[in-house]
């Protein structure tokens, strides 16, 4: 039976209006934010993006507008675009909303997941297990957020999938800005425990574990940003 799980992360809602060629720039910024290569507050100069991606300013401005619509960047008058910087109050609100969305997603995923779907989740967990000891924060962050997006795909509701994609992007910004060094975005053991409850058909148990999982992630956040200098080309994964 064909699985409903795909490897590609879900793009933000505004990307659907972009030309295929423009989506490369959109996805480069989005993926770099979600894997924590591109920290909040990073300037995204139009000229630099034109040179790095070989496109004109019209394309760059169109993509930046789409990213701003999806709350990935902020467009500041006379100052250009920067990666968005969530506030402490927004942090509380985002995690509150995420717990509600993921609870609904998990209930639907358990009801609709096939054995093949669960087997693919197990393979994703194995990827996590292999990556966990390596200490590559960007790679681990991509796998960790990918686990949650896979659950959203299994739920079979494109609206919930889209909302989850946006809120996971926002959480990645928050974690990148506020989480102290040494803390993981998500714990592999917690993901595994959730899948075990899913396989057992224990809906309430799985939802309770997800709630605890997200509460731990929120508690690990220290509301004090750290300086993270870097080269824009490297942060976008281009060199």
Protein backbone atom coordinates (compact mmCIF):
# COMPACT_ATOMS: atom_id res chain seq x y z
CA UNK A 1 0.00 0.00 0.00
CA UNK A 2 1.32 3.44 -0.88
CA UNK A 3 2.21 5.53 2.17
CA UNK A 4 0.92 9.04 2.62
CA UNK A 5 4.19 10.20 4.18
CA UNK A 6 6.53 12.28 2.02
CA UNK A 7 10.01 13.53 2.81
CA UNK A 8 9.58 17.12 1.65
CA UNK A 9 8.65 19.60 4.40
CA UNK A 10 5.43 21.52 3.97
CA UNK A 11 5.88 24.99 2.55
CA UNK A 12 4.20 28.07 3.98
CA UNK A 13 0.86 29.11 2.60
CA UNK A 14 2.08 32.06 0.49
CA UNK A 15 4.58 29.96 -1.45
CA UNK A 16 1.76 28.49 -3.54
CA UNK A 17 1.40 31.85 -5.31
CA UNK A 18 5.08 31.94 -6.34
CA UNK A 19 6.53 30.88 -9.65
CA UNK A 20 8.42 27.55 -9.48
CA UNK A 21 11.74 29.33 -10.02
CA UNK A 22 11.00 31.72 -7.14
CA UNK A 23 10.35 28.87 -4.72
CA UNK A 24 14.04 27.97 -4.57
CA UNK A 25 14.76 31.22 -2.75
CA UNK A 26 11.64 30.87 -0.58
CA UNK A 27 12.57 27.32 0.42
CA UNK A 28 16.22 28.21 1.03
CA UNK A 29 15.19 30.83 3.59
CA UNK A 30 12.41 28.70 5.10
CA UNK A 31 14.59 25.59 5.42
CA UNK A 32 17.48 27.60 6.85
CA UNK A 33 15.19 29.04 9.50
CA UNK A 34 13.69 25.66 10.37
CA UNK A 35 17.10 24.02 10.66
CA UNK A 36 18.37 26.98 12.72
CA UNK A 37 21.15 27.99 10.33
CA UNK A 38 19.48 31.38 9.88
CA UNK A 39 18.81 32.94 13.31
CA UNK A 40 16.21 35.61 14.13
CA UNK A 41 17.23 39.19 13.40
CA UNK A 42 19.50 38.22 10.48
CA UNK A 43 19.39 40.85 7.74
CA UNK A 44 18.38 39.66 4.28
CA UNK A 45 19.67 42.37 1.91
CA UNK A 46 18.03 42.36 -1.51
CA UNK A 47 21.33 42.88 -3.35
CA UNK A 48 22.98 39.95 -1.57
CA UNK A 49 20.03 37.63 -2.29
CA UNK A 50 20.04 38.67 -5.96
CA UNK A 51 23.72 37.76 -6.23
CA UNK A 52 23.47 34.50 -4.29
CA UNK A 53 20.49 33.16 -6.23
CA UNK A 54 21.07 34.77 -9.62
CA UNK A 55 17.69 36.50 -9.73
CA UNK A 56 16.46 40.07 -10.09
CA UNK A 57 15.12 42.38 -7.42
CA UNK A 58 11.53 41.83 -8.54
CA UNK A 59 11.85 38.13 -7.71
CA UNK A 60 13.56 38.81 -4.37
CA UNK A 61 10.89 41.32 -3.32
CA UNK A 62 8.10 38.93 -4.32
CA UNK A 63 9.66 36.12 -2.27
CA UNK A 64 10.29 38.36 0.73
CA UNK A 65 6.63 39.43 0.65
CA UNK A 66 5.60 35.77 0.69
CA UNK A 67 7.94 35.04 3.59
CA UNK A 68 6.57 38.04 5.48
CA UNK A 69 3.02 36.80 4.87
CA UNK A 70 4.03 33.49 6.46
CA UNK A 71 5.68 35.29 9.43
CA UNK A 72 9.16 34.01 8.57
CA UNK A 73 10.63 37.47 7.94
CA UNK A 74 9.72 41.02 8.90
CA UNK A 75 9.76 43.85 6.36
CA UNK A 76 10.89 47.03 8.09
CA UNK A 77 10.33 50.43 6.49
CA UNK A 78 13.59 51.85 5.12
CA UNK A 79 15.54 49.00 6.81
CA UNK A 80 14.79 46.04 4.57
CA UNK A 81 13.97 42.45 5.51
CA UNK A 82 15.16 40.55 8.56
CA UNK A 83 14.38 37.10 9.90
CA UNK A 84 11.47 37.56 12.31
CA UNK A 85 12.16 37.89 16.04
CA UNK A 86 9.28 36.58 18.19
CA UNK A 87 8.58 38.29 21.51
CA UNK A 88 8.23 36.49 24.87
CA UNK A 89 4.44 36.98 24.79
CA UNK A 90 4.27 35.56 21.28
CA UNK A 91 6.34 32.61 22.50
CA UNK A 92 3.69 31.77 25.07
CA UNK A 93 0.89 32.15 22.53
CA UNK A 94 2.65 30.06 19.87
CA UNK A 95 3.24 27.11 22.18
CA UNK A 96 -0.31 27.35 23.51
CA UNK A 97 -1.64 27.14 19.94
CA UNK A 98 0.78 24.40 18.96
CA UNK A 99 -0.33 22.13 21.81
CA UNK A 100 -3.94 22.45 20.68
CA UNK A 101 -3.16 21.82 17.01
CA UNK A 102 -0.87 18.87 17.64
CA UNK A 103 -3.41 17.24 19.95
CA UNK A 104 -5.99 17.29 17.15
CA UNK A 105 -3.45 16.17 14.56
CA UNK A 106 -2.34 13.23 16.68
CA UNK A 107 -5.87 11.99 17.26
CA UNK A 108 -6.58 12.05 13.52
CA UNK A 109 -3.22 10.48 12.67
CA UNK A 110 -3.85 7.54 15.00
CA UNK A 111 -7.30 6.99 13.50
CA UNK A 112 -6.04 7.07 9.89
CA UNK A 113 -2.48 5.71 9.95
CA UNK A 114 -1.85 2.39 8.20
CA UNK A 115 0.74 -0.18 9.26
CA UNK A 116 2.93 1.07 6.44
CA UNK A 117 2.64 4.62 7.78
CA UNK A 118 3.70 3.47 11.23
CA UNK A 119 6.61 1.56 9.72
CA UNK A 120 7.80 4.75 7.99
CA UNK A 121 7.54 6.64 11.27
CA UNK A 122 9.74 3.95 12.81
CA UNK A 123 12.28 4.48 10.02
CA UNK A 124 12.22 8.20 10.73
CA UNK A 125 12.88 7.43 14.40
CA UNK A 126 15.86 5.34 13.35
CA UNK A 127 17.23 8.33 11.41
CA UNK A 128 16.80 10.40 14.56
CA UNK A 129 18.61 7.78 16.65
CA UNK A 130 21.55 7.77 14.27
CA UNK A 131 21.77 11.57 14.12
CA UNK A 132 21.28 12.17 17.86
CA UNK A 133 24.89 11.48 19.02
CA UNK A 134 26.55 13.42 16.20
CA UNK A 135 25.84 16.85 17.62
CA UNK A 136 24.87 18.41 14.27
CA UNK A 137 22.27 20.87 15.54
CA UNK A 138 20.96 21.85 12.12
CA UNK A 139 20.54 18.25 10.95
CA UNK A 140 18.87 17.25 14.18
CA UNK A 141 16.50 20.24 14.10
CA UNK A 142 15.38 19.27 10.60
CA UNK A 143 14.66 15.70 11.67
CA UNK A 144 12.91 16.79 14.86
CA UNK A 145 10.53 19.19 13.12
CA UNK A 146 10.11 16.63 10.33
CA UNK A 147 8.66 14.14 12.82
CA UNK A 148 5.86 16.56 13.72
CA UNK A 149 5.18 17.41 10.08
CA UNK A 150 4.92 13.70 9.23
CA UNK A 151 2.22 13.32 11.88
CA UNK A 152 0.36 16.23 10.28
CA UNK A 153 0.49 14.49 6.89
CA UNK A 154 -0.95 11.34 8.44
CA UNK A 155 -3.86 13.33 9.86
CA UNK A 156 -5.09 13.77 6.29
CA UNK A 157 -6.27 17.35 6.77
CA UNK A 158 -4.43 19.86 4.55
CA UNK A 159 -5.58 22.82 6.64
CA UNK A 160 -4.13 21.38 9.83
CA UNK A 161 -0.99 20.42 7.92
CA UNK A 162 -0.59 23.99 6.69
CA UNK A 163 -1.21 25.51 10.13
CA UNK A 164 1.26 23.09 11.70
CA UNK A 165 3.91 23.95 9.09
CA UNK A 166 3.58 27.64 9.91
CA UNK A 167 3.63 27.15 13.65
CA UNK A 168 6.61 24.77 13.53
CA UNK A 169 8.49 27.43 11.53
CA UNK A 170 7.63 29.95 14.22
CA UNK A 171 8.74 27.59 16.96
CA UNK A 172 12.05 27.07 15.16
CA UNK A 173 12.57 30.83 15.24
CA UNK A 174 11.76 30.95 18.94
CA UNK A 175 14.04 28.03 19.81
CA UNK A 176 16.86 29.49 17.72
CA UNK A 177 16.52 32.83 19.51
CA UNK A 178 15.89 31.77 23.10
CA UNK A 179 17.01 28.20 23.78
CA UNK A 180 20.31 27.91 25.69
CA UNK A 181 23.14 25.93 24.05
CA UNK A 182 23.14 22.22 24.79
CA UNK A 183 19.37 21.73 24.80
CA UNK A 184 17.79 19.71 22.01
CA UNK A 185 14.79 21.01 20.06
CA UNK A 186 13.03 17.71 20.73
CA UNK A 187 14.02 14.57 22.59
CA UNK A 188 14.30 11.43 20.49
CA UNK A 189 13.06 9.24 23.37
CA UNK A 190 9.89 11.33 23.63
CA UNK A 191 9.18 10.90 19.91
CA UNK A 192 9.66 7.15 20.23
CA UNK A 193 7.30 6.94 23.21
CA UNK A 194 4.61 8.79 21.24
CA UNK A 195 4.90 6.38 18.29
CA UNK A 196 4.71 3.41 20.67
CA UNK A 197 1.42 4.73 22.04
CA UNK A 198 0.20 5.30 18.47
CA UNK A 199 1.03 1.72 17.49
CA UNK A 200 -0.83 0.47 20.56
CA UNK A 201 -3.90 2.54 19.64
CA UNK A 202 -3.65 4.47 22.91
CA UNK A 203 -5.02 7.81 21.77
CA UNK A 204 -5.23 9.51 25.16
CA UNK A 205 -1.79 8.23 26.15
CA UNK A 206 -0.19 9.50 22.95
CA UNK A 207 -1.86 12.90 23.27
CA UNK A 208 -0.74 13.20 26.91
CA UNK A 209 2.85 12.41 25.91
CA UNK A 210 2.73 15.00 23.13
CA UNK A 211 1.43 17.61 25.58
CA UNK A 212 4.30 16.85 27.96
CA UNK A 213 6.78 16.85 25.09
CA UNK A 214 5.80 20.35 23.98
CA UNK A 215 5.69 21.65 27.57
CA UNK A 216 9.28 20.47 28.11
CA UNK A 217 10.36 22.20 24.90
CA UNK A 218 8.73 25.44 26.05
CA UNK A 219 10.25 25.21 29.55
CA UNK A 220 13.74 24.84 28.05
CA UNK A 221 13.45 28.28 26.48
CA UNK A 222 15.32 31.09 28.20
CA UNK A 223 13.86 34.45 27.24
CA UNK A 224 17.18 36.11 26.53
CA UNK A 225 18.50 36.21 22.96
CA UNK A 226 22.09 35.29 22.19
CA UNK A 227 24.33 36.78 19.51
CA UNK A 228 24.77 34.46 16.54
CA UNK A 229 26.97 36.04 13.88
CA UNK A 230 27.36 34.25 10.60
CA UNK A 231 27.90 34.48 6.86
CA UNK A 232 24.65 34.82 4.90
CA UNK A 233 25.78 32.46 2.15
CA UNK A 234 26.64 29.74 4.67
CA UNK A 235 23.49 30.30 6.70
CA UNK A 236 21.41 29.77 3.55
CA UNK A 237 23.19 26.49 2.94
CA UNK A 238 24.92 27.72 -0.22
CA UNK A 239 28.52 27.31 0.87
